[in-house]
């Protein structure tokens, strides 16, 4: 059994930032989701769900850009983002209620 953990490094662009906080960490271990979330840190709890929507949208755009960079002759960005949105909506509508483990992190 392998015990390798393929952890990502923090983006170099946050070096030197006065304030930086990790909002989400998503692992797949033994084919199961494991998630740590910084939930509840928004100044206004009424706007936090919208903030998470923006975060998920930004992640989708970054994945699209990275995928296109890795596969320049592959699908167009518009098609990639459509597939991501389709997968997202299918998972929200038809996927398991809450797959894996979630840890909520606060300061």
Protein backbone atom coordinates (compact mmCIF):
# COMPACT_ATOMS: atom_id res chain seq x y z
CA UNK A 1 0.00 0.00 0.00
CA UNK A 2 1.33 3.42 -0.96
CA UNK A 3 1.33 6.21 1.60
CA UNK A 4 2.26 8.91 -0.90
CA UNK A 5 0.49 12.22 -0.39
CA UNK A 6 0.59 14.48 -3.45
CA UNK A 7 0.15 17.81 -1.70
CA UNK A 8 0.12 21.06 -3.67
CA UNK A 9 2.30 24.03 -2.75
CA UNK A 10 0.89 27.45 -1.95
CA UNK A 11 0.81 29.74 -4.98
CA UNK A 12 3.96 31.89 -5.17
CA UNK A 13 1.74 34.90 -5.89
CA UNK A 14 0.70 35.04 -2.21
CA UNK A 15 4.28 35.46 -1.01
CA UNK A 16 4.61 38.90 0.51
CA UNK A 17 0.84 39.37 0.89
CA UNK A 18 -0.12 41.11 4.13
CA UNK A 19 -3.14 38.85 4.59
CA UNK A 20 -3.71 35.46 2.97
CA UNK A 21 -5.93 32.60 4.02
CA UNK A 22 -6.61 29.20 2.57
CA UNK A 23 -10.35 28.74 2.02
CA UNK A 24 -10.60 25.18 0.77
CA UNK A 25 -8.48 22.05 0.73
CA UNK A 26 -9.85 19.10 -1.24
CA UNK A 27 -8.32 15.63 -1.14
CA UNK A 28 -9.30 12.36 -2.75
CA UNK A 29 -8.04 9.47 -0.64
CA UNK A 30 -9.02 5.88 -1.31
CA UNK A 31 -11.56 7.18 -3.84
CA UNK A 32 -13.36 9.31 -1.21
CA UNK A 33 -13.56 13.09 -0.85
CA UNK A 34 -11.96 14.74 2.19
CA UNK A 35 -12.44 18.48 2.54
CA UNK A 36 -11.37 21.25 4.90
CA UNK A 37 -13.29 24.51 4.57
CA UNK A 38 -12.89 27.93 6.14
CA UNK A 39 -16.60 28.56 6.66
CA UNK A 40 -18.01 31.39 8.75
CA UNK A 41 -15.22 33.94 8.27
CA UNK A 42 -17.24 36.29 6.07
CA UNK A 43 -18.09 39.65 7.61
CA UNK A 44 -21.75 39.16 6.64
CA UNK A 45 -23.13 35.61 6.91
CA UNK A 46 -25.93 36.57 4.51
CA UNK A 47 -23.40 37.08 1.70
CA UNK A 48 -21.13 34.11 2.45
CA UNK A 49 -22.99 31.64 0.18
CA UNK A 50 -22.53 34.07 -2.73
CA UNK A 51 -18.84 34.37 -1.85
CA UNK A 52 -18.52 30.55 -2.05
CA UNK A 53 -20.25 30.66 -5.45
CA UNK A 54 -17.62 33.16 -6.62
CA UNK A 55 -14.83 30.93 -5.26
CA UNK A 56 -16.22 27.87 -7.08
CA UNK A 57 -16.60 29.92 -10.27
CA UNK A 58 -13.01 31.18 -10.00
CA UNK A 59 -11.79 27.62 -9.48
CA UNK A 60 -13.68 26.51 -12.61
CA UNK A 61 -12.04 29.30 -14.63
CA UNK A 62 -8.56 28.40 -13.33
CA UNK A 63 -9.13 24.71 -14.16
CA UNK A 64 -10.28 25.69 -17.65
CA UNK A 65 -7.17 27.79 -18.24
CA UNK A 66 -4.84 25.11 -16.88
CA UNK A 67 -6.51 22.36 -18.91
CA UNK A 68 -6.27 24.42 -22.11
CA UNK A 69 -2.59 25.17 -21.40
CA UNK A 70 -1.91 21.43 -21.00
CA UNK A 71 -4.00 20.48 -24.06
CA UNK A 72 -3.74 23.39 -26.53
CA UNK A 73 -5.13 21.24 -29.37
CA UNK A 74 -7.99 19.98 -27.21
CA UNK A 75 -11.43 21.44 -26.66
CA UNK A 76 -11.99 25.21 -26.69
CA UNK A 77 -12.24 27.01 -23.36
CA UNK A 78 -15.99 27.53 -23.82
CA UNK A 79 -16.48 23.77 -24.20
CA UNK A 80 -14.27 23.00 -21.22
CA UNK A 81 -16.19 25.36 -18.92
CA UNK A 82 -19.51 23.94 -20.18
CA UNK A 83 -18.35 20.44 -19.24
CA UNK A 84 -17.24 21.65 -15.80
CA UNK A 85 -20.62 23.33 -15.21
CA UNK A 86 -22.44 20.21 -16.41
CA UNK A 87 -20.42 18.04 -14.03
CA UNK A 88 -21.03 20.51 -11.20
CA UNK A 89 -24.80 20.60 -11.73
CA UNK A 90 -25.00 16.80 -12.06
CA UNK A 91 -23.09 16.37 -8.81
CA UNK A 92 -25.29 18.92 -7.01
CA UNK A 93 -28.53 17.39 -8.32
CA UNK A 94 -27.78 13.68 -8.42
CA UNK A 95 -24.59 12.99 -6.47
CA UNK A 96 -24.30 11.71 -2.92
CA UNK A 97 -25.66 14.08 -0.30
CA UNK A 98 -22.26 14.79 1.24
CA UNK A 99 -19.52 12.49 -0.03
CA UNK A 100 -16.57 11.87 2.24
CA UNK A 101 -15.54 13.92 5.25
CA UNK A 102 -15.73 17.67 5.78
CA UNK A 103 -13.78 19.56 8.40
CA UNK A 104 -14.93 23.14 9.08
CA UNK A 105 -12.02 25.37 10.03
CA UNK A 106 -12.22 28.66 11.87
CA UNK A 107 -9.60 30.92 13.40
